[in-house]
Structures are given as C-alpha cells and as structure tokens.
Amino acid sequence: SVDVVQSGSALYKAKKGLIKIKLEVDEGKIKDLRIEGDFFFYPEDRLWDLEKNLVGCKVEDEELTQRIAEFYKSNDISSPGVKPEDFAKAIILAAKSVAV
C-alpha cells in the first residue's frame, strides 16, 4: 500500500499573537509538526518539545487541546494571550488545508 503523507499549513490569530503551523498528516495523525509565529512562549526551548510531543496525536480538537494542556502543566509553560486551544485550532486549520 502507498503511504500517503499530506502536508498542510495555516495561520491562526490568537488573542495575543499569530500562530503559524506547518504539518504532515498520515492517516489522521500528525506525522511532523512545526510551530512558528509571533507569540510569547516560555520556556522557549520547550516549543520544540511540544512539537515532538504532538507527533502521533490524532488531528482532533479535544485530544489536541488535552495533550497540549497537559504539556503546559508538566512543563510549566507560560504563553500570555495564547492558550492550548489556540494551538489545537491552528493545527486543525492546517490539517484542513491538506490537499486531498
């Protein structure tokens, strides 16, 4: 069977910042993820860990939001004006942009 990996990207405006997502989706799950944009995220190096943490996650609002919220708690993340659900929405937008 042919492994169809699809790429997508999106811009999402949060309350205080712009989230830019580039991703690859394979069978409804995140295969690769890049989170960029214009927002505050502390500690900054944890953003890379968040990307890795979301690989394999289903592209589904509740699951993404929960996984990101747990990551925030366990890593003591602060991102004023940008919430876990903003990242989830941005990721879903990017996944919807995937050319089928």
Protein backbone atom coordinates (compact mmCIF):
# COMPACT_ATOMS: atom_id res chain seq x y z
CA SER A 1 0.00 0.00 0.00
CA VAL A 2 1.16 3.51 -0.77
CA ASP A 3 1.85 5.65 2.26
CA VAL A 4 0.12 8.95 1.58
CA VAL A 5 1.60 11.71 3.70
CA GLN A 6 -0.17 15.01 3.24
CA SER A 7 1.23 18.44 4.03
CA GLY A 8 -0.71 21.43 5.24
CA SER A 9 -0.16 24.85 6.74
CA ALA A 10 -2.18 27.57 8.40
CA LEU A 11 -2.04 30.93 10.12
CA TYR A 12 -4.20 31.38 13.20
CA LYS A 13 -4.74 34.64 15.08
CA ALA A 14 -4.88 34.17 18.84
CA LYS A 15 -5.73 36.92 21.34
CA LYS A 16 -2.08 37.99 21.58
CA GLY A 17 -0.18 36.51 18.72
CA LEU A 18 -0.13 34.79 15.40
CA ILE A 19 0.43 31.04 15.24
CA LYS A 20 1.92 29.57 12.09
CA ILE A 21 1.63 25.82 11.63
CA LYS A 22 3.25 23.54 9.10
CA LEU A 23 2.45 19.87 9.38
CA GLU A 24 2.35 16.49 7.76
CA VAL A 25 -0.63 14.25 8.38
CA ASP A 26 -0.68 10.49 7.91
CA GLU A 27 -3.96 8.60 8.40
CA GLY A 28 -5.45 11.38 10.50
CA LYS A 29 -2.43 11.64 12.81
CA ILE A 30 0.34 14.21 12.99
CA LYS A 31 3.50 12.87 11.38
CA ASP A 32 5.57 16.05 11.50
CA LEU A 33 4.86 19.45 13.02
CA ARG A 34 6.43 22.91 13.02
CA ILE A 35 5.02 25.63 15.25
CA GLU A 36 6.20 29.16 14.49
CA GLY A 37 4.75 32.64 14.63
CA ASP A 38 4.61 35.81 16.60
CA PHE A 39 3.76 34.93 20.21
CA PHE A 40 5.43 34.55 23.62
CA PHE A 41 6.15 31.01 24.81
CA TYR A 42 8.26 30.35 27.91
CA PRO A 43 10.49 28.46 28.33
CA GLU A 44 11.17 28.99 24.62
CA ASP A 45 13.08 25.75 24.03
CA ARG A 46 10.02 23.79 25.16
CA LEU A 47 8.21 24.72 21.94
CA TRP A 48 10.36 22.15 20.16
CA ASP A 49 9.41 19.57 22.79
CA LEU A 50 5.73 20.41 22.24
CA GLU A 51 6.11 19.72 18.51
CA LYS A 52 7.66 16.32 19.25
CA ASN A 53 5.03 15.61 21.91
CA LEU A 54 2.21 16.07 19.39
CA VAL A 55 3.62 13.70 16.77
CA GLY A 56 1.30 10.70 16.59
CA CYS A 57 -1.61 12.66 18.06
CA LYS A 58 -4.95 12.47 16.26
CA VAL A 59 -5.93 15.68 14.50
CA GLU A 60 -8.94 16.13 16.73
CA ASP A 61 -9.80 19.22 18.75
CA GLU A 62 -10.40 17.64 22.15
CA GLU A 63 -7.43 15.28 22.02
CA LEU A 64 -5.05 18.02 20.85
CA THR A 65 -6.26 20.55 23.42
CA GLN A 66 -5.96 17.99 26.23
CA ARG A 67 -2.48 16.86 25.17
CA ILE A 68 -1.27 20.48 24.87
CA ALA A 69 -2.84 21.49 28.21
CA GLU A 70 -1.12 18.55 29.93
CA PHE A 71 2.17 19.57 28.32
CA TYR A 72 1.67 23.13 29.64
CA LYS A 73 1.14 21.80 33.18
CA SER A 74 4.01 19.35 33.26
CA ASN A 75 6.47 21.82 31.69
CA ASP A 76 5.26 24.94 33.49
CA ILE A 77 4.61 26.75 30.20
CA SER A 78 3.59 30.39 30.05
CA SER A 79 2.23 31.90 26.83
CA PRO A 80 0.30 35.10 27.58
CA GLY A 81 -2.68 35.58 25.28
CA VAL A 82 -2.18 32.21 23.58
CA LYS A 83 -3.95 29.18 25.04
CA PRO A 84 -3.57 25.44 24.40
CA GLU A 85 -6.85 25.50 22.47
CA ASP A 86 -5.41 28.17 20.16
CA PHE A 87 -2.62 25.79 19.17
CA ALA A 88 -5.18 23.00 18.72
CA LYS A 89 -7.33 25.20 16.46
CA ALA A 90 -4.29 26.26 14.43
CA ILE A 91 -3.23 22.63 13.96
CA ILE A 92 -6.73 21.62 12.86
CA LEU A 93 -6.85 24.52 10.39
CA ALA A 94 -3.54 23.36 8.94
CA ALA A 95 -4.81 19.80 8.69
CA LYS A 96 -7.94 21.02 6.89
CA SER A 97 -5.73 22.84 4.39
CA VAL A 98 -4.26 19.49 3.37
CA ALA A 99 -4.86 18.86 -0.31
CA VAL A 100 -6.69 15.56 -0.64
